[in-house]
Structures are given as C-alpha cells and as structure tokens.
Amino acid sequence: MKNFEVIIADVPDREGLVAEIWYKGLMITELNYDDDHLQLDLYTSNNKISFAYIDFLQALESAKEKLSPSTRESR
C-alpha cells in the first residue's frame, strides 16, 4: 500500500466510524456503513492523482476490514 494510509475516524456528520484513505497526505476517499451498506465517497481536487490500481484496492480492503462489524465489536 505504498503512499496510502488508512485512518479510522469518528466524525460528527456520520453515525458510525469512517475509514479515511489518504494518498501522499491528501484524503481521497472516505468509506463508511450507511444503513448496513458500504458507502464510498471520493474527494477530488484540481490536481490529478495517479496510483496503481492494486494499491488502491488493497487500501479499500484494509479500510473495509477495519470497519467490519466483527472488527468493531472487538473494540
């Protein structure tokens, strides 16, 4: 997951936890559960961001695992 970082956050405008995916210091994606459905929000800027597809998939999988109900119950 070169250049990616997954941060679990409790933000005021969401009911549950969210997984923020950062790429080279820029938050590009937020993953959260909305009514038991996995919701993905992408954030863009005026800059083009290019990265390997497999790295992004691995970052998404990491975020999904960290937000899964079984992981949340063990906290």
PDB file of N, CA and C in Angstrom:
ATOM      1  N   MET A   1       0.844  -1.187   0.000  1.00  0.00           N
ATOM      2  CA  MET A   1       0.000   0.000   0.000  1.00  0.00           C
ATOM      3  C   MET A   1       0.887   1.247   0.000  1.00  0.00           C
ATOM      4  N   LYS A   2       1.830   1.237  -0.866  1.00  0.00           N
ATOM      5  CA  LYS A   2       2.780   2.336  -0.956  1.00  0.00           C
ATOM      6  C   LYS A   2       2.055   3.673  -1.109  1.00  0.00           C
ATOM      7  N   ASN A   3       2.417   4.634  -0.262  1.00  0.00           N
ATOM      8  CA  ASN A   3       1.883   6.002  -0.267  1.00  0.00           C
ATOM      9  C   ASN A   3       0.461   6.137   0.251  1.00  0.00           C
ATOM     10  N   PHE A   4      -0.178   5.027   0.644  1.00  0.00           N
ATOM     11  CA  PHE A   4      -1.537   5.093   1.182  1.00  0.00           C
ATOM     12  C   PHE A   4      -1.512   4.965   2.702  1.00  0.00           C
ATOM     13  N   GLU A   5      -2.488   5.590   3.338  1.00  0.00           N
ATOM     14  CA  GLU A   5      -2.675   5.450   4.781  1.00  0.00           C
ATOM     15  C   GLU A   5      -4.172   5.361   5.045  1.00  0.00           C
ATOM     16  N   VAL A   6      -4.575   4.411   5.890  1.00  0.00           N
ATOM     17  CA  VAL A   6      -5.978   4.255   6.265  1.00  0.00           C
ATOM     18  C   VAL A   6      -6.120   4.680   7.714  1.00  0.00           C
ATOM     19  N   ILE A   7      -7.003   5.650   7.955  1.00  0.00           N
ATOM     20  CA  ILE A   7      -7.236   6.175   9.301  1.00  0.00           C
ATOM     21  C   ILE A   7      -8.705   5.980   9.654  1.00  0.00           C
ATOM     22  N   ILE A   8      -8.963   5.360  10.793  1.00  0.00           N
ATOM     23  CA  ILE A   8     -10.330   5.212  11.286  1.00  0.00           C
ATOM     24  C   ILE A   8     -10.659   6.440  12.119  1.00  0.00           C
ATOM     25  N   ALA A   9     -11.806   7.065  11.793  1.00  0.00           N
ATOM     26  CA  ALA A   9     -12.166   8.310  12.467  1.00  0.00           C
ATOM     27  C   ALA A   9     -13.630   8.292  12.891  1.00  0.00           C
ATOM     28  N   ASP A  10     -13.924   9.042  13.918  1.00  0.00           N
ATOM     29  CA  ASP A  10     -15.287   9.266  14.389  1.00  0.00           C
ATOM     30  C   ASP A  10     -15.600  10.723  14.075  1.00  0.00           C
ATOM     31  N   VAL A  11     -16.332  10.947  12.985  1.00  0.00           N
ATOM     32  CA  VAL A  11     -16.602  12.311  12.540  1.00  0.00           C
ATOM     33  C   VAL A  11     -18.032  12.705  12.902  1.00  0.00           C
ATOM     34  N   PRO A  12     -18.272  13.993  13.179  1.00  0.00           N
ATOM     35  CA  PRO A  12     -19.573  14.420  13.691  1.00  0.00           C
ATOM     36  C   PRO A  12     -20.743  14.268  12.720  1.00  0.00           C
ATOM     37  N   ASP A  13     -20.497  14.238  11.418  1.00  0.00           N
ATOM     38  CA  ASP A  13     -21.611  14.165  10.471  1.00  0.00           C
ATOM     39  C   ASP A  13     -21.959  12.742  10.043  1.00  0.00           C
ATOM     40  N   ARG A  14     -21.403  11.734  10.705  1.00  0.00           N
ATOM     41  CA  ARG A  14     -21.705  10.329  10.406  1.00  0.00           C
ATOM     42  C   ARG A  14     -22.105   9.626  11.705  1.00  0.00           C
ATOM     43  N   GLU A  15     -22.991   8.634  11.583  1.00  0.00           N
ATOM     44  CA  GLU A  15     -23.418   7.895  12.779  1.00  0.00           C
ATOM     45  C   GLU A  15     -22.329   6.983  13.318  1.00  0.00           C
ATOM     46  N   GLY A  16     -21.643   6.284  12.442  1.00  0.00           N
ATOM     47  CA  GLY A  16     -20.617   5.340  12.875  1.00  0.00           C
ATOM     48  C   GLY A  16     -19.229   5.815  12.496  1.00  0.00           C
ATOM     49  N   LEU A  17     -18.295   4.898  12.660  1.00  0.00           N
ATOM     50  CA  LEU A  17     -16.914   5.198  12.290  1.00  0.00           C
ATOM     51  C   LEU A  17     -16.767   5.268  10.777  1.00  0.00           C
ATOM     52  N   VAL A  18     -15.762   5.969  10.322  1.00  0.00           N
ATOM     53  CA  VAL A  18     -15.427   6.029   8.907  1.00  0.00           C
ATOM     54  C   VAL A  18     -13.964   5.637   8.745  1.00  0.00           C
ATOM     55  N   ALA A  19     -13.637   5.145   7.563  1.00  0.00           N
ATOM     56  CA  ALA A  19     -12.249   4.879   7.211  1.00  0.00           C
ATOM     57  C   ALA A  19     -11.860   5.909   6.161  1.00  0.00           C
ATOM     58  N   GLU A  20     -10.912   6.745   6.511  1.00  0.00           N
ATOM     59  CA  GLU A  20     -10.392   7.724   5.564  1.00  0.00           C
ATOM     60  C   GLU A  20      -9.187   7.105   4.873  1.00  0.00           C
ATOM     61  N   ILE A  21      -9.122   7.229   3.565  1.00  0.00           N
ATOM     62  CA  ILE A  21      -7.963   6.745   2.820  1.00  0.00           C
ATOM     63  C   ILE A  21      -7.222   7.960   2.296  1.00  0.00           C
ATOM     64  N   TRP A  22      -5.985   8.059   2.708  1.00  0.00           N
ATOM     65  CA  TRP A  22      -5.125   9.179   2.340  1.00  0.00           C
ATOM     66  C   TRP A  22      -4.083   8.696   1.356  1.00  0.00           C
ATOM     67  N   TYR A  23      -3.740   9.537   0.387  1.00  0.00           N
ATOM     68  CA  TYR A  23      -2.695   9.238  -0.579  1.00  0.00           C
ATOM     69  C   TYR A  23      -1.734  10.414  -0.635  1.00  0.00           C
ATOM     70  N   LYS A  24      -0.504  10.161  -0.237  1.00  0.00           N
ATOM     71  CA  LYS A  24       0.531  11.206  -0.197  1.00  0.00           C
ATOM     72  C   LYS A  24       0.039  12.460   0.537  1.00  0.00           C
ATOM     73  N   GLY A  25      -0.597  12.262   1.689  1.00  0.00           N
ATOM     74  CA  GLY A  25      -1.023  13.377   2.530  1.00  0.00           C
ATOM     75  C   GLY A  25      -2.344  14.029   2.136  1.00  0.00           C
ATOM     76  N   LEU A  26      -3.020  13.509   1.109  1.00  0.00           N
ATOM     77  CA  LEU A  26      -4.314  14.050   0.694  1.00  0.00           C
ATOM     78  C   LEU A  26      -5.398  13.021   0.956  1.00  0.00           C
ATOM     79  N   MET A  27      -6.492  13.428   1.636  1.00  0.00           N
ATOM     80  CA  MET A  27      -7.596  12.494   1.817  1.00  0.00           C
ATOM     81  C   MET A  27      -8.339  12.393   0.489  1.00  0.00           C
ATOM     82  N   ILE A  28      -8.408  11.172  -0.038  1.00  0.00           N
ATOM     83  CA  ILE A  28      -9.048  10.985  -1.332  1.00  0.00           C
ATOM     84  C   ILE A  28     -10.362  10.226  -1.245  1.00  0.00           C
ATOM     85  N   THR A  29     -10.534   9.443  -0.187  1.00  0.00           N
ATOM     86  CA  THR A  29     -11.707   8.584  -0.081  1.00  0.00           C
ATOM     87  C   THR A  29     -12.130   8.433   1.374  1.00  0.00           C
ATOM     88  N   GLU A  30     -13.441   8.322   1.561  1.00  0.00           N
ATOM     89  CA  GLU A  30     -13.988   8.001   2.873  1.00  0.00           C
ATOM     90  C   GLU A  30     -14.923   6.815   2.688  1.00  0.00           C
ATOM     91  N   LEU A  31     -14.756   5.797   3.511  1.00  0.00           N
ATOM     92  CA  LEU A  31     -15.552   4.582   3.457  1.00  0.00           C
ATOM     93  C   LEU A  31     -16.321   4.455   4.755  1.00  0.00           C
ATOM     94  N   ASN A  32     -17.639   4.183   4.670  1.00  0.00           N
ATOM     95  CA  ASN A  32     -18.446   4.042   5.879  1.00  0.00           C
ATOM     96  C   ASN A  32     -19.651   3.171   5.604  1.00  0.00           C
ATOM     97  N   TYR A  33     -20.276   2.700   6.671  1.00  0.00           N
ATOM     98  CA  TYR A  33     -21.505   1.939   6.551  1.00  0.00           C
ATOM     99  C   TYR A  33     -22.681   2.881   6.732  1.00  0.00           C
ATOM    100  N   ASP A  34     -23.590   2.866   5.757  1.00  0.00           N
ATOM    101  CA  ASP A  34     -24.813   3.663   5.797  1.00  0.00           C
ATOM    102  C   ASP A  34     -25.973   2.684   5.666  1.00  0.00           C
ATOM    103  N   ASP A  35     -26.717   2.500   6.745  1.00  0.00           N
ATOM    104  CA  ASP A  35     -27.804   1.505   6.760  1.00  0.00           C
ATOM    105  C   ASP A  35     -27.320   0.131   6.307  1.00  0.00           C
ATOM    106  N   ASP A  36     -26.217  -0.322   6.860  1.00  0.00           N
ATOM    107  CA  ASP A  36     -25.623  -1.633   6.582  1.00  0.00           C
ATOM    108  C   ASP A  36     -25.128  -1.804   5.146  1.00  0.00           C
ATOM    109  N   HIS A  37     -25.013  -0.728   4.391  1.00  0.00           N
ATOM    110  CA  HIS A  37     -24.427  -0.763   3.048  1.00  0.00           C
ATOM    111  C   HIS A  37     -23.109  -0.001   3.081  1.00  0.00           C
ATOM    112  N   LEU A  38     -22.102  -0.552   2.438  1.00  0.00           N
ATOM    113  CA  LEU A  38     -20.802   0.091   2.386  1.00  0.00           C
ATOM    114  C   LEU A  38     -20.858   1.260   1.416  1.00  0.00           C
ATOM    115  N   GLN A  39     -20.584   2.454   1.904  1.00  0.00           N
ATOM    116  CA  GLN A  39     -20.642   3.701   1.129  1.00  0.00           C
ATOM    117  C   GLN A  39     -19.230   4.204   0.883  1.00  0.00           C
ATOM    118  N   LEU A  40     -18.938   4.605  -0.356  1.00  0.00           N
ATOM    119  CA  LEU A  40     -17.631   5.134  -0.729  1.00  0.00           C
ATOM    120  C   LEU A  40     -17.799   6.562  -1.223  1.00  0.00           C
ATOM    121  N   ASP A  41     -17.103   7.493  -0.600  1.00  0.00           N
ATOM    122  CA  ASP A  41     -17.100   8.889  -1.036  1.00  0.00           C
ATOM    123  C   ASP A  41     -15.705   9.218  -1.537  1.00  0.00           C
ATOM    124  N   LEU A  42     -15.610   9.728  -2.763  1.00  0.00           N
ATOM    125  CA  LEU A  42     -14.331  10.135  -3.335  1.00  0.00           C
ATOM    126  C   LEU A  42     -14.218  11.647  -3.268  1.00  0.00           C
ATOM    127  N   TYR A  43     -13.042  12.128  -2.923  1.00  0.00           N
ATOM    128  CA  TYR A  43     -12.782  13.559  -2.864  1.00  0.00           C
ATOM    129  C   TYR A  43     -11.760  13.907  -3.934  1.00  0.00           C
ATOM    130  N   THR A  44     -12.028  14.962  -4.682  1.00  0.00           N
ATOM    131  CA  THR A  44     -11.109  15.351  -5.751  1.00  0.00           C
ATOM    132  C   THR A  44     -10.633  16.780  -5.527  1.00  0.00           C
ATOM    133  N   SER A  45      -9.599  17.106  -6.236  1.00  0.00           N
ATOM    134  CA  SER A  45      -9.091  18.473  -6.217  1.00  0.00           C
ATOM    135  C   SER A  45      -8.727  18.834  -7.649  1.00  0.00           C
ATOM    136  N   ASN A  46      -8.089  19.938  -7.833  1.00  0.00           N
ATOM    137  CA  ASN A  46      -7.678  20.358  -9.163  1.00  0.00           C
ATOM    138  C   ASN A  46      -6.474  19.575  -9.662  1.00  0.00           C
ATOM    139  N   ASN A  47      -5.885  18.789  -8.799  1.00  0.00           N
ATOM    140  CA  ASN A  47      -4.707  18.009  -9.170  1.00  0.00           C
ATOM    141  C   ASN A  47      -5.092  16.601  -9.579  1.00  0.00           C
ATOM    142  N   LYS A  48      -4.389  16.073 -10.564  1.00  0.00           N
ATOM    143  CA  LYS A  48      -4.581  14.688 -10.964  1.00  0.00           C
ATOM    144  C   LYS A  48      -3.770  13.803 -10.034  1.00  0.00           C
ATOM    145  N   ILE A  49      -4.392  12.752  -9.535  1.00  0.00           N
ATOM    146  CA  ILE A  49      -3.698  11.793  -8.682  1.00  0.00           C
ATOM    147  C   ILE A  49      -3.696  10.459  -9.406  1.00  0.00           C
ATOM    148  N   SER A  50      -2.527   9.923  -9.650  1.00  0.00           N
ATOM    149  CA  SER A  50      -2.392   8.626 -10.308  1.00  0.00           C
ATOM    150  C   SER A  50      -1.697   7.651  -9.373  1.00  0.00           C
ATOM    151  N   PHE A  51      -2.238   6.428  -9.295  1.00  0.00           N
ATOM    152  CA  PHE A  51      -1.637   5.411  -8.457  1.00  0.00           C
ATOM    153  C   PHE A  51      -2.006   4.049  -9.015  1.00  0.00           C
ATOM    154  N   ALA A  52      -1.282   3.051  -8.582  1.00  0.00           N
ATOM    155  CA  ALA A  52      -1.528   1.688  -9.054  1.00  0.00           C
ATOM    156  C   ALA A  52      -2.890   1.196  -8.577  1.00  0.00           C
ATOM    157  N   TYR A  53      -3.626   0.604  -9.483  1.00  0.00           N
ATOM    158  CA  TYR A  53      -4.955   0.074  -9.194  1.00  0.00           C
ATOM    159  C   TYR A  53      -4.922  -0.911  -8.035  1.00  0.00           C
ATOM    160  N   ILE A  54      -3.972  -1.838  -8.051  1.00  0.00           N
ATOM    161  CA  ILE A  54      -3.897  -2.858  -6.999  1.00  0.00           C
ATOM    162  C   ILE A  54      -3.636  -2.232  -5.633  1.00  0.00           C
ATOM    163  N   ASP A  55      -2.839  -1.176  -5.585  1.00  0.00           N
ATOM    164  CA  ASP A  55      -2.589  -0.494  -4.314  1.00  0.00           C
ATOM    165  C   ASP A  55      -3.879   0.112  -3.767  1.00  0.00           C
ATOM    166  N   PHE A  56      -4.676   0.713  -4.649  1.00  0.00           N
ATOM    167  CA  PHE A  56      -5.939   1.317  -4.202  1.00  0.00           C
ATOM    168  C   PHE A  56      -6.900   0.238  -3.723  1.00  0.00           C
ATOM    169  N   LEU A  57      -6.962  -0.891  -4.435  1.00  0.00           N
ATOM    170  CA  LEU A  57      -7.822  -1.989  -3.991  1.00  0.00           C
ATOM    171  C   LEU A  57      -7.391  -2.509  -2.621  1.00  0.00           C
ATOM    172  N   GLN A  58      -6.093  -2.620  -2.403  1.00  0.00           N
ATOM    173  CA  GLN A  58      -5.602  -3.081  -1.103  1.00  0.00           C
ATOM    174  C   GLN A  58      -5.960  -2.083  -0.003  1.00  0.00           C
ATOM    175  N   ALA A  59      -5.883  -0.799  -0.295  1.00  0.00           N
ATOM    176  CA  ALA A  59      -6.263   0.216   0.694  1.00  0.00           C
ATOM    177  C   ALA A  59      -7.752   0.128   1.001  1.00  0.00           C
ATOM    178  N   LEU A  60      -8.571  -0.091  -0.024  1.00  0.00           N
ATOM    179  CA  LEU A  60     -10.017  -0.251   0.199  1.00  0.00           C
ATOM    180  C   LEU A  60     -10.316  -1.489   1.036  1.00  0.00           C
ATOM    181  N   GLU A  61      -9.654  -2.598   0.743  1.00  0.00           N
ATOM    182  CA  GLU A  61      -9.861  -3.824   1.516  1.00  0.00           C
ATOM    183  C   GLU A  61      -9.445  -3.640   2.972  1.00  0.00           C
ATOM    184  N   SER A  62      -8.349  -2.950   3.197  1.00  0.00           N
ATOM    185  CA  SER A  62      -7.892  -2.677   4.558  1.00  0.00           C
ATOM    186  C   SER A  62      -8.933  -1.851   5.311  1.00  0.00           C
ATOM    187  N   ALA A  63      -9.472  -0.840   4.657  1.00  0.00           N
ATOM    188  CA  ALA A  63     -10.497   0.001   5.287  1.00  0.00           C
ATOM    189  C   ALA A  63     -11.757  -0.803   5.586  1.00  0.00           C
ATOM    190  N   LYS A  64     -12.167  -1.634   4.640  1.00  0.00           N
ATOM    191  CA  LYS A  64     -13.361  -2.472   4.824  1.00  0.00           C
ATOM    192  C   LYS A  64     -13.184  -3.405   6.015  1.00  0.00           C
ATOM    193  N   GLU A  65     -12.022  -4.052   6.107  1.00  0.00           N
ATOM    194  CA  GLU A  65     -11.760  -4.964   7.223  1.00  0.00           C
ATOM    195  C   GLU A  65     -11.797  -4.245   8.560  1.00  0.00           C
ATOM    196  N   LYS A  66     -11.230  -3.042   8.602  1.00  0.00           N
ATOM    197  CA  LYS A  66     -11.185  -2.285   9.849  1.00  0.00           C
ATOM    198  C   LYS A  66     -12.566  -1.798  10.280  1.00  0.00           C
ATOM    199  N   LEU A  67     -13.500  -1.662   9.331  1.00  0.00           N
ATOM    200  CA  LEU A  67     -14.849  -1.213   9.654  1.00  0.00           C
ATOM    201  C   LEU A  67     -15.853  -2.352   9.784  1.00  0.00           C
ATOM    202  N   SER A  68     -15.460  -3.587   9.496  1.00  0.00           N
ATOM    203  CA  SER A  68     -16.390  -4.689   9.501  1.00  0.00           C
ATOM    204  C   SER A  68     -17.041  -4.838  10.881  1.00  0.00           C
ATOM    205  N   PRO A  69     -18.304  -5.280  10.909  1.00  0.00           N
ATOM    206  CA  PRO A  69     -18.988  -5.422  12.199  1.00  0.00           C
ATOM    207  C   PRO A  69     -18.226  -6.295  13.191  1.00  0.00           C
ATOM    208  N   SER A  70     -17.580  -7.362  12.759  1.00  0.00           N
ATOM    209  CA  SER A  70     -16.858  -8.220  13.700  1.00  0.00           C
ATOM    210  C   SER A  70     -15.651  -7.492  14.284  1.00  0.00           C
ATOM    211  N   THR A  71     -14.991  -6.648  13.488  1.00  0.00           N
ATOM    212  CA  THR A  71     -13.857  -5.878  13.998  1.00  0.00           C
ATOM    213  C   THR A  71     -14.341  -4.807  14.964  1.00  0.00           C
ATOM    214  N   ARG A  72     -15.465  -4.157  14.637  1.00  0.00           N
ATOM    215  CA  ARG A  72     -15.994  -3.104  15.502  1.00  0.00           C
ATOM    216  C   ARG A  72     -16.429  -3.650  16.843  1.00  0.00           C
ATOM    217  N   GLU A  73     -16.999  -4.882  16.867  1.00  0.00           N
ATOM    218  CA  GLU A  73     -17.458  -5.480  18.119  1.00  0.00           C
ATOM    219  C   GLU A  73     -16.312  -5.826  19.048  1.00  0.00           C
ATOM    220  N   SER A  74     -15.128  -6.094  18.494  1.00  0.00           N
ATOM    221  CA  SER A  74     -13.989  -6.483  19.342  1.00  0.00           C
ATOM    222  C   SER A  74     -13.282  -5.280  19.954  1.00  0.00           C
ATOM    223  N   ARG A  75     -13.679  -4.086  19.603  1.00  0.00           N
ATOM    224  CA  ARG A  75     -13.043  -2.888  20.158  1.00  0.00           C
ATOM    225  C   ARG A  75     -13.616  -2.520  21.485  1.00  0.00           C
TER     226      ARG A  75
END
